[in-house]
Amino acid sequence: MENRDGESGTAVSGYDSTHRDEDERDVLSVEQIFESKTIPPWQEQLTFRAFFVSFVLGVMFSVIVMKLNLTTGIIPSLNVSAGLLGFFFVKSWTKFLEKMGLLKQPFTRQENTVIQTCVVACSGIAFSGGFGSYLFGMSETIAHRSTDGPIDPQTIKNPGLGWMIGFLFVVSFLGLFSIVPLRKIMVIDYKLTYPSGTATALLINSFHTPQGAKLVKKQVGALGKFFSFSFLWGFFQWFFTASDGCGFASFPSLGLKARDNR
């Protein structure tokens, strides 16, 4: 009995230590995996595939943002979705090239950050650039709809590609003159935690671990499932809409009296 209990105790202690080691490895895996890896130069971070995926996702996210901007006016944070989809697409492409023996440069966290930053910047410009509010609200067409009297030419500004690009450059790059000094003071000198940047960094780091790569597949699958359901439901509503105030999108879910009172 004593030997048996002693063997059992040894086995249990060995089992506990093994699981403790595994738990510690899981907790520290994110830091330990990238501890020995060197940061690639900026030429290897700004790759063609990163900009191509950024362009495709930027267009898609800009359409989504404009749809929300013109309907609800509330835009959710797209950092997680941009980083997740950017990782999934580029990782799938690099795996395919690796199997074909054509992979020249592995996918890095820095590339993932470039994709996430470009996509969020595109969608941010689509929302804060005024495309759903004041930018086209200054046009002559809207001015004629809002008043019947004469219109002062100084109060209107018709959309033009040239001045709109210049305006968006000024609005978008204005943050460089405030963010760079604040980064030097707040983050580097005072070593304050930057919440959204830290959260994004932890998220992208977790994608590039073995456990995170498995989780990404499940997350992208769930994202694709609900996106497909939302798209099909929207298409169904659009298909049965003949005119304004018609179809399932205008169904009086709060009652006819509420519908009459808008």
Protein backbone atom coordinates (compact mmCIF):
# COMPACT_ATOMS: atom_id res chain seq x y z
CA MET A 1 0.00 0.00 0.00
CA GLU A 2 2.78 2.37 0.88
CA ASN A 3 4.60 1.68 -2.37
CA ARG A 4 1.42 2.02 -4.29
CA ASP A 5 0.57 5.29 -2.57
CA GLY A 6 4.10 6.50 -3.03
CA GLU A 7 4.01 5.66 -6.73
CA SER A 8 0.63 7.32 -6.99
CA GLY A 9 1.90 10.40 -5.20
CA THR A 10 4.90 10.56 -7.50
CA ALA A 11 2.67 10.17 -10.54
CA VAL A 12 0.29 12.85 -9.32
CA SER A 13 3.12 15.25 -8.56
CA GLY A 14 4.63 14.54 -11.97
CA TYR A 15 1.25 15.07 -13.60
CA ASP A 16 0.79 18.37 -11.75
CA SER A 17 4.26 19.61 -12.63
CA THR A 18 3.77 18.68 -16.27
CA HIS A 19 0.49 20.57 -16.45
CA ARG A 20 2.01 23.47 -14.53
CA ASP A 21 4.78 23.65 -17.10
CA GLU A 22 2.24 23.54 -19.92
CA ASP A 23 0.17 26.28 -18.28
CA GLU A 24 3.25 28.45 -17.81
CA ARG A 25 4.26 27.80 -21.42
CA ASP A 26 0.79 28.82 -22.60
CA VAL A 27 0.88 32.02 -20.52
CA LEU A 28 4.37 33.02 -21.59
CA SER A 29 4.22 31.67 -25.11
CA VAL A 30 3.43 35.03 -26.72
CA GLU A 31 6.47 36.70 -25.16
CA GLN A 32 8.81 33.71 -25.51
CA ILE A 33 7.99 33.02 -29.16
CA PHE A 34 9.01 36.51 -30.31
CA GLU A 35 11.83 37.01 -27.83
CA SER A 36 14.51 35.64 -30.14
CA LYS A 37 13.08 37.04 -33.38
CA THR A 38 14.61 40.17 -34.83
CA ILE A 39 12.45 42.97 -36.19
CA PRO A 40 12.70 43.05 -40.01
CA PRO A 41 13.71 46.32 -41.70
CA TRP A 42 10.96 48.62 -42.94
CA GLN A 43 11.53 47.56 -46.57
CA GLU A 44 10.40 44.04 -45.65
CA GLN A 45 7.42 45.32 -43.69
CA LEU A 46 5.92 47.40 -46.53
CA THR A 47 5.35 44.53 -48.97
CA PHE A 48 3.22 44.37 -52.10
CA ARG A 49 0.96 41.67 -50.64
CA ALA A 50 0.33 43.78 -47.54
CA PHE A 51 -0.75 46.78 -49.62
CA PHE A 52 -2.83 44.61 -51.97
CA VAL A 53 -4.76 43.02 -49.09
CA SER A 54 -5.06 46.47 -47.48
CA PHE A 55 -6.56 47.86 -50.69
CA VAL A 56 -9.14 45.07 -50.99
CA LEU A 57 -10.13 45.18 -47.31
CA GLY A 58 -10.05 48.99 -47.32
CA VAL A 59 -12.59 49.13 -50.15
CA MET A 60 -14.82 46.58 -48.43
CA PHE A 61 -14.67 48.28 -45.03
CA SER A 62 -15.25 51.71 -46.59
CA VAL A 63 -18.46 50.44 -48.19
CA ILE A 64 -19.58 49.04 -44.83
CA VAL A 65 -18.72 52.28 -43.04
CA MET A 66 -20.58 54.39 -45.62
CA LYS A 67 -23.64 52.18 -45.29
CA LEU A 68 -23.62 52.61 -41.50
CA ASN A 69 -22.82 56.31 -41.82
CA LEU A 70 -25.84 56.94 -44.04
CA THR A 71 -28.24 54.83 -41.96
CA THR A 72 -27.42 54.67 -38.24
CA GLY A 73 -24.53 57.15 -37.97
CA ILE A 74 -22.76 54.90 -35.44
CA ILE A 75 -19.52 53.20 -36.50
CA PRO A 76 -18.10 50.32 -34.42
CA SER A 77 -14.39 49.77 -33.90
CA LEU A 78 -12.95 47.86 -36.86
CA ASN A 79 -9.46 47.16 -35.48
CA VAL A 80 -10.17 43.55 -34.57
CA SER A 81 -11.91 42.73 -37.87
CA ALA A 82 -9.18 44.39 -39.95
CA GLY A 83 -6.36 42.58 -38.14
CA LEU A 84 -8.23 39.28 -38.20
CA LEU A 85 -9.11 39.30 -41.90
CA GLY A 86 -5.68 40.64 -42.86
CA PHE A 87 -3.99 37.80 -41.01
CA PHE A 88 -6.33 35.17 -42.45
CA PHE A 89 -5.95 36.20 -46.11
CA VAL A 90 -2.18 36.69 -46.11
CA LYS A 91 -1.57 33.58 -44.00
CA SER A 92 -3.66 31.49 -46.38
CA TRP A 93 -1.74 32.91 -49.36
CA THR A 94 1.68 32.29 -47.78
CA LYS A 95 0.70 28.73 -46.83
CA PHE A 96 -0.28 28.06 -50.43
CA LEU A 97 3.02 29.48 -51.72
CA GLU A 98 4.92 27.48 -49.10
CA LYS A 99 3.35 24.24 -50.29
CA MET A 100 4.24 25.17 -53.86
CA GLY A 101 7.81 25.93 -52.80
CA LEU A 102 7.55 29.57 -53.97
CA LEU A 103 7.50 31.37 -50.63
CA LYS A 104 10.35 33.90 -50.42
CA GLN A 105 9.37 35.88 -47.33
CA PRO A 106 7.29 34.59 -44.37
CA PHE A 107 4.34 36.54 -43.03
CA THR A 108 5.33 38.71 -40.08
CA ARG A 109 3.55 40.61 -37.33
CA GLN A 110 4.78 43.86 -38.81
CA GLU A 111 3.02 43.14 -42.12
CA ASN A 112 -0.14 42.36 -40.18
CA THR A 113 0.16 45.72 -38.43
CA VAL A 114 0.61 47.52 -41.78
CA ILE A 115 -2.58 45.89 -43.11
CA GLN A 116 -4.57 46.69 -39.99
CA THR A 117 -3.38 50.30 -39.97
CA CYS A 118 -4.15 50.89 -43.67
CA VAL A 119 -7.62 49.35 -43.48
CA VAL A 120 -8.59 51.30 -40.36
CA ALA A 121 -7.23 54.50 -41.95
CA CYS A 122 -9.32 53.95 -45.10
CA SER A 123 -12.51 53.31 -43.17
CA GLY A 124 -11.73 56.20 -40.83
CA ILE A 125 -11.37 58.62 -43.76
CA ALA A 126 -14.63 57.33 -45.24
CA PHE A 127 -16.41 58.16 -41.98
CA SER A 128 -14.67 61.34 -40.75
CA GLY A 129 -14.08 62.76 -44.24
CA GLY A 130 -17.67 63.97 -44.40
CA PHE A 131 -18.87 61.84 -47.32
CA GLY A 132 -22.09 61.07 -45.50
CA SER A 133 -22.66 64.52 -44.05
CA TYR A 134 -21.14 67.94 -44.74
CA LEU A 135 -18.93 67.22 -47.78
CA PHE A 136 -21.86 66.76 -50.17
CA GLY A 137 -24.21 68.86 -48.04
CA MET A 138 -22.37 71.98 -49.24
CA SER A 139 -23.24 71.31 -52.89
CA GLU A 140 -25.52 73.47 -55.03
CA THR A 141 -27.98 70.60 -55.49
CA ILE A 142 -28.61 70.31 -51.75
CA ALA A 143 -28.83 74.12 -51.45
CA HIS A 144 -31.63 74.25 -54.06
CA ARG A 145 -33.50 71.52 -52.21
CA SER A 146 -33.31 73.32 -48.87
CA THR A 147 -34.42 76.79 -50.05
CA ASP A 148 -36.50 78.35 -52.83
CA GLY A 149 -34.85 81.77 -52.80
CA PRO A 150 -31.62 82.96 -54.40
CA ILE A 151 -28.41 81.25 -53.31
CA ASP A 152 -25.23 83.07 -52.46
CA PRO A 153 -22.35 81.46 -54.45
CA GLN A 154 -20.04 81.88 -51.45
CA THR A 155 -22.20 79.55 -49.36
CA ILE A 156 -21.91 76.54 -51.68
CA LYS A 157 -19.03 74.28 -52.66
CA ASN A 158 -19.65 71.69 -55.35
CA PRO A 159 -17.74 68.39 -55.06
CA GLY A 160 -14.53 68.24 -57.07
CA LEU A 161 -11.90 65.52 -57.09
CA GLY A 162 -8.96 67.90 -56.83
CA TRP A 163 -9.97 69.96 -53.82
CA MET A 164 -11.50 66.94 -52.07
CA ILE A 165 -8.19 65.03 -52.27
CA GLY A 166 -6.34 68.05 -50.92
CA PHE A 167 -8.88 68.50 -48.15
CA LEU A 168 -8.64 64.85 -47.11
CA PHE A 169 -4.82 65.04 -47.09
CA VAL A 170 -4.95 68.03 -44.76
CA VAL A 171 -7.53 66.41 -42.47
CA SER A 172 -5.83 63.00 -42.40
CA PHE A 173 -2.21 64.09 -41.94
CA LEU A 174 -3.03 66.76 -39.38
CA GLY A 175 -2.76 64.07 -36.71
CA LEU A 176 0.94 63.58 -37.46
CA PHE A 177 1.73 67.01 -36.04
CA SER A 178 -0.04 66.20 -32.77
CA ILE A 179 0.39 62.42 -32.43
CA VAL A 180 4.16 62.30 -32.98
CA PRO A 181 5.00 64.84 -30.21
CA LEU A 182 2.44 63.23 -27.87
CA ARG A 183 3.97 59.81 -28.56
CA LYS A 184 7.40 61.16 -27.63
CA ILE A 185 6.11 62.68 -24.40
CA MET A 186 3.44 60.24 -23.24
CA VAL A 187 4.65 56.84 -24.45
CA ILE A 188 8.45 57.11 -24.61
CA ASP A 189 9.25 59.64 -21.84
CA TYR A 190 6.45 58.96 -19.35
CA LYS A 191 6.00 55.31 -20.42
CA LEU A 192 2.20 55.53 -20.23
CA THR A 193 0.19 52.63 -21.58
CA TYR A 194 -1.57 53.37 -24.86
CA PRO A 195 -4.79 51.32 -24.45
CA SER A 196 -5.96 50.80 -28.02
CA GLY A 197 -2.41 50.38 -29.36
CA THR A 198 -1.54 47.89 -26.63
CA ALA A 199 -4.74 45.92 -27.23
CA THR A 200 -4.06 45.81 -30.98
CA ALA A 201 -0.46 44.71 -30.41
CA LEU A 202 -1.53 41.89 -28.08
CA LEU A 203 -4.19 40.84 -30.57
CA ILE A 204 -1.79 40.69 -33.53
CA ASN A 205 0.86 38.92 -31.44
CA SER A 206 -1.67 36.28 -30.44
CA PHE A 207 -2.55 35.68 -34.11
CA HIS A 208 1.03 34.64 -34.83
CA THR A 209 1.21 31.97 -32.12
CA PRO A 210 0.22 28.33 -32.79
CA GLN A 211 -2.77 28.61 -30.46
CA GLY A 212 -3.86 31.91 -32.00
CA ALA A 213 -3.67 30.60 -35.56
CA LYS A 214 -6.16 27.86 -34.69
CA LEU A 215 -8.45 30.36 -33.00
CA VAL A 216 -8.35 32.66 -36.05
CA LYS A 217 -9.85 29.93 -38.23
CA LYS A 218 -12.83 29.63 -35.87
CA GLN A 219 -13.22 33.39 -35.63
CA VAL A 220 -13.11 33.91 -39.39
CA GLY A 221 -15.60 31.06 -39.84
CA ALA A 222 -18.02 32.69 -37.38
CA LEU A 223 -17.48 36.10 -38.99
CA GLY A 224 -18.16 34.71 -42.47
CA LYS A 225 -21.27 32.88 -41.26
CA PHE A 226 -22.90 35.95 -39.74
CA PHE A 227 -21.76 38.18 -42.61
CA SER A 228 -23.41 35.79 -45.10
CA PHE A 229 -26.61 35.71 -43.05
CA SER A 230 -26.68 39.53 -42.84
CA PHE A 231 -25.99 39.91 -46.57
CA LEU A 232 -28.69 37.41 -47.56
CA TRP A 233 -31.24 39.05 -45.27
CA GLY A 234 -30.39 42.48 -46.70
CA PHE A 235 -30.68 41.12 -50.24
CA PHE A 236 -34.04 39.55 -49.37
CA GLN A 237 -35.32 42.87 -48.06
CA TRP A 238 -34.04 44.74 -51.12
CA PHE A 239 -35.56 42.19 -53.52
CA PHE A 240 -39.06 42.70 -52.11
CA THR A 241 -38.86 46.52 -51.97
CA ALA A 242 -40.70 48.30 -54.80
CA SER A 243 -40.42 51.92 -53.60
CA ASP A 244 -39.74 54.04 -50.52
CA GLY A 245 -41.72 52.95 -47.48
CA CYS A 246 -42.37 49.53 -48.99
CA GLY A 247 -41.15 46.03 -48.23
CA PHE A 248 -39.89 44.15 -45.19
CA ALA A 249 -37.44 46.94 -44.32
CA SER A 250 -40.43 49.23 -43.61
CA PHE A 251 -42.40 46.69 -41.58
CA PRO A 252 -44.09 48.50 -38.62
CA SER A 253 -42.48 46.39 -35.88
CA LEU A 254 -43.53 48.95 -33.19
CA GLY A 255 -47.12 49.19 -34.41
CA LEU A 256 -49.11 51.21 -36.96
CA LYS A 257 -49.59 54.17 -34.61
CA ALA A 258 -45.84 54.50 -34.06
CA ARG A 259 -45.33 54.21 -37.82
CA ASP A 260 -47.82 57.03 -38.49
CA ASN A 261 -46.01 59.26 -35.98
CA ARG A 262 -42.62 58.29 -37.43
